[in-house]
Amino acid sequence: MQPYGVRNMVGAIIIGAGEGKRMSGGGRKQFVKVGGKPIFAYTLEIFENSNSVDHIVMVVPRESVDFAREEVVEEFGFKKVHAVVYGGGTRQESVYNGLKALKDKTKWVLIHDAVRPLVSDILIQRVLDAAHKGGAAITGVAARDTVKQVESGQVVGTLDRRLLWLAQTPQCFRYDIIVDAHKKAAGERFEATDDASLVEKLGAKVAVAVGSYANLKVTSPEDIPIFEYFLRQENRAKLDEAGRTKSRQRPPRSSKSSRSSRRRRRPKRR
């Protein structure tokens, strides 16, 4: 059952239109295979299985549209993918292309990086709930390291980390708010690194839902082993849960029947 009802359709835009220049081997990071599956597919799987998400728009490089349809959507059987569209010259333009491809009557928009494959349904629900109160929300985590302000290779200040949070995705917005924010930014030629910045520029308040330090963004080869580690932990947890479920479902052995069975198997004395 949808948490916001039919009149509050939720669309997810998964952004994977970048070139992945920091990933070695010449391959685009969103399509790098880990365990035989592209990173993009791991991310899509979470949104596909979420009861909070009605439909999905994939945004990919122009030359990767056919590949994404055939090797990701069709290969792994994603049913909620409504459209596969190509991105623009910037992330901001790519998101706007995704917004234009959402289904009519979409009320809430989740925007997520394709290369954050460790997102969870809990985070999706958490940011939806936070956005539902005021119209806009991000997931984020508190900064754990000391943050220095640096200019020309020299420290010019130390920021108070008690006030600093690291923004993550998914970010969630009411459809009209995020569309207005993108249109205003385009008109003013304002560029930002995330969608919440555009909404802030619009003058709207943005809530923060607690994210996860495990919500890794895979951007370089060094991130792959970390992703693989979390995958192993996740698979191990699933196996453990499956074992516990099987154990609960198994009928208890009767001690009486067990003893009679042993008596039947005992050879007769001559």
C-alpha atoms as a PDB file:
ATOM      1  CA  MET A   1       0.000   0.000   0.000  1.00  0.00           C
ATOM      2  CA  GLN A   2       1.302   3.467  -0.910  1.00  0.00           C
ATOM      3  CA  PRO A   3       1.945   5.612   2.172  1.00  0.00           C
ATOM      4  CA  TYR A   4       0.654   8.770   0.498  1.00  0.00           C
ATOM      5  CA  GLY A   5      -2.231   7.332  -1.514  1.00  0.00           C
ATOM      6  CA  VAL A   6      -3.006   7.325  -5.226  1.00  0.00           C
ATOM      7  CA  ARG A   7      -3.373  11.113  -5.356  1.00  0.00           C
ATOM      8  CA  ASN A   8       0.175  11.525  -4.082  1.00  0.00           C
ATOM      9  CA  MET A   9       2.132   9.629  -6.719  1.00  0.00           C
ATOM     10  CA  VAL A  10       5.835   9.240  -5.986  1.00  0.00           C
ATOM     11  CA  GLY A  11       8.312   9.249  -8.859  1.00  0.00           C
ATOM     12  CA  ALA A  12      12.029   8.527  -8.470  1.00  0.00           C
ATOM     13  CA  ILE A  13      14.677  10.019 -10.742  1.00  0.00           C
ATOM     14  CA  ILE A  14      17.910   8.017 -10.663  1.00  0.00           C
ATOM     15  CA  ILE A  15      20.759  10.118 -12.027  1.00  0.00           C
ATOM     16  CA  GLY A  16      23.567   8.264 -13.775  1.00  0.00           C
ATOM     17  CA  ALA A  17      24.498  10.575 -16.629  1.00  0.00           C
ATOM     18  CA  GLY A  18      28.057  11.357 -15.570  1.00  0.00           C
ATOM     19  CA  GLU A  19      31.174  10.316 -17.448  1.00  0.00           C
ATOM     20  CA  GLY A  20      32.844   8.685 -14.450  1.00  0.00           C
ATOM     21  CA  LYS A  21      36.262  10.188 -15.166  1.00  0.00           C
ATOM     22  CA  ARG A  22      37.663   9.110 -11.802  1.00  0.00           C
ATOM     23  CA  MET A  23      36.918   5.446 -12.497  1.00  0.00           C
ATOM     24  CA  SER A  24      39.841   3.653 -14.171  1.00  0.00           C
ATOM     25  CA  GLY A  25      39.474   1.374 -17.174  1.00  0.00           C
ATOM     26  CA  GLY A  26      37.495   3.831 -19.287  1.00  0.00           C
ATOM     27  CA  GLY A  27      34.137   2.447 -18.177  1.00  0.00           C
ATOM     28  CA  ARG A  28      31.366   4.596 -16.778  1.00  0.00           C
ATOM     29  CA  LYS A  29      31.173   4.092 -13.028  1.00  0.00           C
ATOM     30  CA  GLN A  30      27.392   3.612 -12.991  1.00  0.00           C
ATOM     31  CA  PHE A  31      27.719   0.589 -15.319  1.00  0.00           C
ATOM     32  CA  VAL A  32      30.750  -1.037 -13.704  1.00  0.00           C
ATOM     33  CA  LYS A  33      29.854  -4.620 -12.801  1.00  0.00           C
ATOM     34  CA  VAL A  34      30.239  -5.868  -9.244  1.00  0.00           C
ATOM     35  CA  GLY A  35      29.287  -9.478  -8.615  1.00  0.00           C
ATOM     36  CA  GLY A  36      28.057  -9.754 -12.193  1.00  0.00           C
ATOM     37  CA  LYS A  37      25.629  -6.828 -11.914  1.00  0.00           C
ATOM     38  CA  PRO A  38      26.043  -3.138 -12.854  1.00  0.00           C
ATOM     39  CA  ILE A  39      26.136  -0.697  -9.959  1.00  0.00           C
ATOM     40  CA  PHE A  40      23.126   1.066 -11.503  1.00  0.00           C
ATOM     41  CA  ALA A  41      21.113  -2.168 -11.186  1.00  0.00           C
ATOM     42  CA  TYR A  42      21.833  -2.473  -7.449  1.00  0.00           C
ATOM     43  CA  THR A  43      20.493   1.040  -6.952  1.00  0.00           C
ATOM     44  CA  LEU A  44      17.408   0.481  -9.098  1.00  0.00           C
ATOM     45  CA  GLU A  45      16.621  -2.702  -7.181  1.00  0.00           C
ATOM     46  CA  ILE A  46      16.048  -0.792  -3.939  1.00  0.00           C
ATOM     47  CA  PHE A  47      13.606   1.644  -5.558  1.00  0.00           C
ATOM     48  CA  GLU A  48      11.937  -1.160  -7.535  1.00  0.00           C
ATOM     49  CA  ASN A  49      11.211  -3.058  -4.310  1.00  0.00           C
ATOM     50  CA  SER A  50      10.094  -0.028  -2.305  1.00  0.00           C
ATOM     51  CA  ASN A  51       6.348   0.179  -1.676  1.00  0.00           C
ATOM     52  CA  SER A  52       6.754   3.955  -1.455  1.00  0.00           C
ATOM     53  CA  VAL A  53       7.838   4.369  -5.097  1.00  0.00           C
ATOM     54  CA  ASP A  54       5.338   4.283  -7.962  1.00  0.00           C
ATOM     55  CA  HIS A  55       7.616   4.727 -10.968  1.00  0.00           C
ATOM     56  CA  ILE A  56      11.242   5.391 -11.903  1.00  0.00           C
ATOM     57  CA  VAL A  57      12.994   7.536 -14.496  1.00  0.00           C
ATOM     58  CA  MET A  58      16.579   6.614 -15.371  1.00  0.00           C
ATOM     59  CA  VAL A  59      18.864   9.395 -16.612  1.00  0.00           C
ATOM     60  CA  VAL A  60      21.963   8.181 -18.474  1.00  0.00           C
ATOM     61  CA  PRO A  61      24.466   9.501 -21.019  1.00  0.00           C
ATOM     62  CA  ARG A  62      22.961  10.009 -24.493  1.00  0.00           C
ATOM     63  CA  GLU A  63      25.004   7.175 -26.005  1.00  0.00           C
ATOM     64  CA  SER A  64      24.025   4.784 -23.177  1.00  0.00           C
ATOM     65  CA  VAL A  65      20.221   4.934 -23.505  1.00  0.00           C
ATOM     66  CA  ASP A  66      19.897   1.693 -25.514  1.00  0.00           C
ATOM     67  CA  PHE A  67      22.470  -0.054 -23.322  1.00  0.00           C
ATOM     68  CA  ALA A  68      20.600   0.972 -20.170  1.00  0.00           C
ATOM     69  CA  ARG A  69      17.282  -0.305 -21.538  1.00  0.00           C
ATOM     70  CA  GLU A  70      18.655  -3.628 -22.749  1.00  0.00           C
ATOM     71  CA  GLU A  71      21.453  -4.467 -20.308  1.00  0.00           C
ATOM     72  CA  VAL A  72      19.934  -3.055 -17.137  1.00  0.00           C
ATOM     73  CA  VAL A  73      16.147  -2.666 -17.344  1.00  0.00           C
ATOM     74  CA  GLU A  74      15.351  -5.698 -19.512  1.00  0.00           C
ATOM     75  CA  GLU A  75      18.207  -7.889 -18.297  1.00  0.00           C
ATOM     76  CA  PHE A  76      17.198  -7.559 -14.642  1.00  0.00           C
ATOM     77  CA  GLY A  77      13.443  -7.236 -15.157  1.00  0.00           C
ATOM     78  CA  PHE A  78      12.761  -3.816 -13.633  1.00  0.00           C
ATOM     79  CA  LYS A  79       9.025  -3.168 -14.009  1.00  0.00           C
ATOM     80  CA  LYS A  80       8.775   0.277 -12.421  1.00  0.00           C
ATOM     81  CA  VAL A  81      11.123   1.987 -14.890  1.00  0.00           C
ATOM     82  CA  HIS A  82       8.798   4.341 -16.757  1.00  0.00           C
ATOM     83  CA  ALA A  83      11.410   6.027 -18.945  1.00  0.00           C
ATOM     84  CA  VAL A  84      15.103   6.028 -19.802  1.00  0.00           C
ATOM     85  CA  VAL A  85      16.223   9.500 -20.865  1.00  0.00           C
ATOM     86  CA  TYR A  86      19.571  11.082 -21.630  1.00  0.00           C
ATOM     87  CA  GLY A  87      21.172  13.702 -19.469  1.00  0.00           C
ATOM     88  CA  GLY A  88      22.485  17.169 -20.179  1.00  0.00           C
ATOM     89  CA  GLY A  89      25.830  18.878 -19.914  1.00  0.00           C
ATOM     90  CA  THR A  90      25.536  19.188 -16.124  1.00  0.00           C
ATOM     91  CA  ARG A  91      23.906  17.203 -13.349  1.00  0.00           C
ATOM     92  CA  GLN A  92      21.382  20.006 -13.000  1.00  0.00           C
ATOM     93  CA  GLU A  93      20.339  19.729 -16.644  1.00  0.00           C
ATOM     94  CA  SER A  94      20.153  15.933 -16.287  1.00  0.00           C
ATOM     95  CA  VAL A  95      17.775  16.181 -13.331  1.00  0.00           C
ATOM     96  CA  TYR A  96      15.581  18.617 -15.255  1.00  0.00           C
ATOM     97  CA  ASN A  97      15.386  16.162 -18.162  1.00  0.00           C
ATOM     98  CA  GLY A  98      14.293  13.536 -15.648  1.00  0.00           C
ATOM     99  CA  LEU A  99      11.629  15.835 -14.202  1.00  0.00           C
ATOM    100  CA  LYS A 100      10.120  16.310 -17.665  1.00  0.00           C
ATOM    101  CA  ALA A 101       9.869  12.518 -18.090  1.00  0.00           C
ATOM    102  CA  LEU A 102       7.917  11.818 -14.886  1.00  0.00           C
ATOM    103  CA  LYS A 103       4.351  10.564 -15.140  1.00  0.00           C
ATOM    104  CA  ASP A 104       1.512  13.059 -15.087  1.00  0.00           C
ATOM    105  CA  LYS A 105       0.042  13.725 -11.632  1.00  0.00           C
ATOM    106  CA  THR A 106       3.344  12.977  -9.887  1.00  0.00           C
ATOM    107  CA  LYS A 107       3.174  14.732  -6.509  1.00  0.00           C
ATOM    108  CA  TRP A 108       6.475  13.782  -4.858  1.00  0.00           C
ATOM    109  CA  VAL A 109       9.893  13.433  -6.482  1.00  0.00           C
ATOM    110  CA  LEU A 110      12.806  11.422  -5.121  1.00  0.00           C
ATOM    111  CA  ILE A 111      16.163  12.281  -6.694  1.00  0.00           C
ATOM    112  CA  HIS A 112      19.009   9.846  -6.161  1.00  0.00           C
ATOM    113  CA  ASP A 113      22.531   9.208  -7.458  1.00  0.00           C
ATOM    114  CA  ALA A 114      22.858   5.968  -9.411  1.00  0.00           C
ATOM    115  CA  VAL A 115      26.248   5.402  -7.790  1.00  0.00           C
ATOM    116  CA  ARG A 116      24.822   5.255  -4.256  1.00  0.00           C
ATOM    117  CA  PRO A 117      23.842   1.566  -4.426  1.00  0.00           C
ATOM    118  CA  LEU A 118      23.707   1.071  -0.645  1.00  0.00           C
ATOM    119  CA  VAL A 119      20.611   3.220  -0.197  1.00  0.00           C
ATOM    120  CA  SER A 120      17.856   1.488   1.757  1.00  0.00           C
ATOM    121  CA  ASP A 121      14.076   1.528   1.802  1.00  0.00           C
ATOM    122  CA  ILE A 122      14.332   2.927   5.327  1.00  0.00           C
ATOM    123  CA  LEU A 123      16.141   6.012   3.988  1.00  0.00           C
ATOM    124  CA  ILE A 124      13.587   6.399   1.185  1.00  0.00           C
ATOM    125  CA  GLN A 125      10.720   6.347   3.668  1.00  0.00           C
ATOM    126  CA  ARG A 126      12.553   8.616   6.091  1.00  0.00           C
ATOM    127  CA  VAL A 127      13.182  11.379   3.530  1.00  0.00           C
ATOM    128  CA  LEU A 128       9.635  11.086   2.179  1.00  0.00           C
ATOM    129  CA  ASP A 129       8.246  11.570   5.672  1.00  0.00           C
ATOM    130  CA  ALA A 130      10.500  14.584   6.271  1.00  0.00           C
ATOM    131  CA  ALA A 131       9.554  16.189   2.941  1.00  0.00           C
ATOM    132  CA  HIS A 132       5.861  15.553   3.498  1.00  0.00           C
ATOM    133  CA  LYS A 133       5.873  18.030   6.388  1.00  0.00           C
ATOM    134  CA  GLY A 134       7.296  21.035   4.509  1.00  0.00           C
ATOM    135  CA  GLY A 135       7.738  20.120   0.860  1.00  0.00           C
ATOM    136  CA  ALA A 136      11.490  19.487   0.710  1.00  0.00           C
ATOM    137  CA  ALA A 137      14.035  17.283   2.485  1.00  0.00           C
ATOM    138  CA  ILE A 138      17.466  15.740   2.077  1.00  0.00           C
ATOM    139  CA  THR A 139      19.209  12.826   3.708  1.00  0.00           C
ATOM    140  CA  GLY A 140      22.489  13.690   5.384  1.00  0.00           C
ATOM    141  CA  VAL A 141      24.954  12.768   8.095  1.00  0.00           C
ATOM    142  CA  ALA A 142      26.781  14.888  10.641  1.00  0.00           C
ATOM    143  CA  ALA A 143      30.401  15.680   9.809  1.00  0.00           C
ATOM    144  CA  ARG A 144      32.720  13.495  11.893  1.00  0.00           C
ATOM    145  CA  ASP A 145      36.035  15.050  10.878  1.00  0.00           C
ATOM    146  CA  THR A 146      37.378  18.521  11.514  1.00  0.00           C
ATOM    147  CA  VAL A 147      36.690  20.652   8.431  1.00  0.00           C
ATOM    148  CA  LYS A 148      39.274  23.205   7.308  1.00  0.00           C
ATOM    149  CA  GLN A 149      38.699  26.124   4.983  1.00  0.00           C
ATOM    150  CA  VAL A 150      41.613  26.228   2.555  1.00  0.00           C
ATOM    151  CA  GLU A 151      42.739  28.791  -0.015  1.00  0.00           C
ATOM    152  CA  SER A 152      45.812  28.439  -2.241  1.00  0.00           C
ATOM    153  CA  GLY A 153      47.020  25.481  -0.220  1.00  0.00           C
ATOM    154  CA  GLN A 154      46.823  27.304   3.098  1.00  0.00           C
ATOM    155  CA  VAL A 155      44.352  26.886   5.973  1.00  0.00           C
ATOM    156  CA  VAL A 156      42.391  30.092   6.428  1.00  0.00           C
ATOM    157  CA  GLY A 157      39.860  28.851   8.941  1.00  0.00           C
ATOM    158  CA  THR A 158      38.397  25.951  10.892  1.00  0.00           C
ATOM    159  CA  LEU A 159      34.662  25.430  10.581  1.00  0.00           C
ATOM    160  CA  ASP A 160      32.486  24.389  13.511  1.00  0.00           C
ATOM    161  CA  ARG A 161      31.640  20.805  12.658  1.00  0.00           C
ATOM    162  CA  ARG A 162      28.737  20.808  15.127  1.00  0.00           C
ATOM    163  CA  LEU A 163      26.872  22.839  12.493  1.00  0.00           C
ATOM    164  CA  LEU A 164      28.056  20.839   9.462  1.00  0.00           C
ATOM    165  CA  TRP A 165      26.235  17.993   7.757  1.00  0.00           C
ATOM    166  CA  LEU A 166      27.227  16.070   4.645  1.00  0.00           C
ATOM    167  CA  ALA A 167      24.391  16.030   2.125  1.00  0.00           C
ATOM    168  CA  GLN A 168      23.441  12.710   0.559  1.00  0.00           C
ATOM    169  CA  THR A 169      20.731  11.409  -1.706  1.00  0.00           C
ATOM    170  CA  PRO A 170      17.900  10.523  -1.907  1.00  0.00           C
ATOM    171  CA  GLN A 171      16.528  14.031  -1.731  1.00  0.00           C
ATOM    172  CA  CYS A 172      12.781  14.514  -1.890  1.00  0.00           C
ATOM    173  CA  PHE A 173      10.635  17.425  -3.045  1.00  0.00           C
ATOM    174  CA  ARG A 174       7.082  18.248  -3.845  1.00  0.00           C
ATOM    175  CA  TYR A 175       6.879  18.256  -7.643  1.00  0.00           C
ATOM    176  CA  ASP A 176       5.862  21.900  -8.048  1.00  0.00           C
ATOM    177  CA  ILE A 177       8.624  23.111  -5.718  1.00  0.00           C
ATOM    178  CA  ILE A 178      11.481  21.304  -7.459  1.00  0.00           C
ATOM    179  CA  VAL A 179      10.251  22.238 -10.954  1.00  0.00           C
ATOM    180  CA  ASP A 180       9.968  25.909  -9.965  1.00  0.00           C
ATOM    181  CA  ALA A 181      13.447  25.765  -8.415  1.00  0.00           C
ATOM    182  CA  HIS A 182      14.974  24.356 -11.597  1.00  0.00           C
ATOM    183  CA  LYS A 183      13.218  26.892 -13.818  1.00  0.00           C
ATOM    184  CA  LYS A 184      14.335  29.797 -11.632  1.00  0.00           C
ATOM    185  CA  ALA A 185      17.933  28.523 -11.567  1.00  0.00           C
ATOM    186  CA  ALA A 186      17.963  28.122 -15.353  1.00  0.00           C
ATOM    187  CA  GLY A 187      16.627  31.651 -15.806  1.00  0.00           C
ATOM    188  CA  GLU A 188      19.266  33.094 -13.487  1.00  0.00           C
ATOM    189  CA  ARG A 189      22.018  30.774 -14.780  1.00  0.00           C
ATOM    190  CA  PHE A 190      22.612  29.553 -11.270  1.00  0.00           C
ATOM    191  CA  GLU A 191      24.474  26.243 -10.970  1.00  0.00           C
ATOM    192  CA  ALA A 192      24.518  24.054  -7.867  1.00  0.00           C
ATOM    193  CA  THR A 193      25.894  20.654  -6.937  1.00  0.00           C
ATOM    194  CA  ASP A 194      22.631  19.339  -5.528  1.00  0.00           C
ATOM    195  CA  ASP A 195      18.916  19.979  -5.943  1.00  0.00           C
ATOM    196  CA  ALA A 196      18.399  21.167  -2.383  1.00  0.00           C
ATOM    197  CA  SER A 197      20.608  24.189  -3.145  1.00  0.00           C
ATOM    198  CA  LEU A 198      18.187  25.217  -5.896  1.00  0.00           C
ATOM    199  CA  VAL A 199      15.247  24.922  -3.517  1.00  0.00           C
ATOM    200  CA  GLU A 200      17.127  26.964  -0.902  1.00  0.00           C
ATOM    201  CA  LYS A 201      17.708  29.632  -3.581  1.00  0.00           C
ATOM    202  CA  LEU A 202      13.945  29.629  -4.137  1.00  0.00           C
ATOM    203  CA  GLY A 203      13.519  30.587  -0.479  1.00  0.00           C
ATOM    204  CA  ALA A 204      11.920  27.327   0.643  1.00  0.00           C
ATOM    205  CA  LYS A 205      12.981  25.482   3.789  1.00  0.00           C
ATOM    206  CA  VAL A 206      14.682  22.111   3.434  1.00  0.00           C
ATOM    207  CA  ALA A 207      14.421  19.533   6.216  1.00  0.00           C
ATOM    208  CA  VAL A 208      17.147  16.993   6.994  1.00  0.00           C
ATOM    209  CA  ALA A 209      16.412  13.307   7.446  1.00  0.00           C
ATOM    210  CA  VAL A 210      19.182  11.317   9.118  1.00  0.00           C
ATOM    211  CA  GLY A 211      21.057   9.382   6.443  1.00  0.00           C
ATOM    212  CA  SER A 212      23.619   6.628   6.789  1.00  0.00           C
ATOM    213  CA  TYR A 213      27.415   6.592   6.755  1.00  0.00           C
ATOM    214  CA  ALA A 214      27.080   3.354   4.794  1.00  0.00           C
ATOM    215  CA  ASN A 215      25.260   5.229   2.001  1.00  0.00           C
ATOM    216  CA  LEU A 216      28.469   5.197  -0.026  1.00  0.00           C
ATOM    217  CA  LYS A 217      28.918   7.126  -3.280  1.00  0.00           C
ATOM    218  CA  VAL A 218      31.025   4.982  -5.613  1.00  0.00           C
ATOM    219  CA  THR A 219      33.191   7.451  -7.508  1.00  0.00           C
ATOM    220  CA  SER A 220      36.660   5.891  -7.699  1.00  0.00           C
ATOM    221  CA  PRO A 221      38.251   2.420  -7.884  1.00  0.00           C
ATOM    222  CA  GLU A 222      39.018   2.576  -4.167  1.00  0.00           C
ATOM    223  CA  ASP A 223      35.292   2.597  -3.406  1.00  0.00           C
ATOM    224  CA  ILE A 224      34.606  -0.762  -5.086  1.00  0.00           C
ATOM    225  CA  PRO A 225      36.118  -2.972  -2.326  1.00  0.00           C
ATOM    226  CA  ILE A 226      34.125  -1.009   0.267  1.00  0.00           C
ATOM    227  CA  PHE A 227      30.939  -1.604  -1.697  1.00  0.00           C
ATOM    228  CA  GLU A 228      31.784  -5.305  -2.019  1.00  0.00           C
ATOM    229  CA  TYR A 229      32.346  -5.521   1.738  1.00  0.00           C
ATOM    230  CA  PHE A 230      28.894  -4.094   2.487  1.00  0.00           C
ATOM    231  CA  LEU A 231      27.369  -6.440  -0.089  1.00  0.00           C
ATOM    232  CA  ARG A 232      28.933  -9.438   1.661  1.00  0.00           C
ATOM    233  CA  GLN A 233      27.615  -8.214   5.013  1.00  0.00           C
ATOM    234  CA  GLU A 234      24.159  -7.714   3.537  1.00  0.00           C
ATOM    235  CA  ASN A 235      24.117 -11.168   1.931  1.00  0.00           C
ATOM    236  CA  ARG A 236      25.321 -12.747   5.158  1.00  0.00           C
ATOM    237  CA  ALA A 237      22.500 -11.040   7.054  1.00  0.00           C
ATOM    238  CA  LYS A 238      19.961 -12.321   4.507  1.00  0.00           C
ATOM    239  CA  LEU A 239      21.306 -15.862   4.829  1.00  0.00           C
ATOM    240  CA  ASP A 240      21.169 -15.651   8.618  1.00  0.00           C
ATOM    241  CA  GLU A 241      17.584 -14.407   8.507  1.00  0.00           C
ATOM    242  CA  ALA A 242      16.621 -17.148   6.033  1.00  0.00           C
ATOM    243  CA  GLY A 243      18.141 -19.716   8.384  1.00  0.00           C
ATOM    244  CA  ARG A 244      16.222 -18.337  11.368  1.00  0.00           C
ATOM    245  CA  THR A 245      12.969 -18.318   9.367  1.00  0.00           C
ATOM    246  CA  LYS A 246      13.496 -21.918   8.263  1.00  0.00           C
ATOM    247  CA  SER A 247      14.238 -22.936  11.840  1.00  0.00           C
ATOM    248  CA  ARG A 248      11.039 -21.271  13.097  1.00  0.00           C
ATOM    249  CA  GLN A 249       8.975 -22.997  10.417  1.00  0.00           C
ATOM    250  CA  ARG A 250      10.393 -26.478  11.133  1.00  0.00           C
ATOM    251  CA  PRO A 251       8.055 -28.462  13.423  1.00  0.00           C
ATOM    252  CA  PRO A 252       9.644 -29.473  16.734  1.00  0.00           C
ATOM    253  CA  ARG A 253      10.771 -33.090  17.001  1.00  0.00           C
ATOM    254  CA  SER A 254       8.877 -35.132  19.521  1.00  0.00           C
ATOM    255  CA  SER A 255      11.178 -36.801  22.021  1.00  0.00           C
ATOM    256  CA  LYS A 256       8.751 -39.718  22.235  1.00  0.00           C
ATOM    257  CA  SER A 257       8.710 -40.321  18.491  1.00  0.00           C
ATOM    258  CA  SER A 258      12.471 -39.935  18.446  1.00  0.00           C
ATOM    259  CA  ARG A 259      12.911 -42.634  21.075  1.00  0.00           C
ATOM    260  CA  SER A 260      10.500 -44.986  19.301  1.00  0.00           C
ATOM    261  CA  SER A 261      12.344 -44.372  16.058  1.00  0.00           C
ATOM    262  CA  ARG A 262      15.621 -45.306  17.699  1.00  0.00           C
ATOM    263  CA  ARG A 263      14.018 -48.435  19.134  1.00  0.00           C
ATOM    264  CA  ARG A 264      12.818 -49.448  15.683  1.00  0.00           C
ATOM    265  CA  ARG A 265      16.258 -49.067  14.227  1.00  0.00           C
ATOM    266  CA  ARG A 266      17.906 -51.119  17.026  1.00  0.00           C
ATOM    267  CA  PRO A 267      18.902 -54.577  15.665  1.00  0.00           C
ATOM    268  CA  LYS A 268      17.366 -57.632  17.297  1.00  0.00           C
ATOM    269  CA  ARG A 269      19.492 -59.764  19.567  1.00  0.00           C
ATOM    270  CA  ARG A 270      20.029 -63.383  18.541  1.00  0.00           C
END
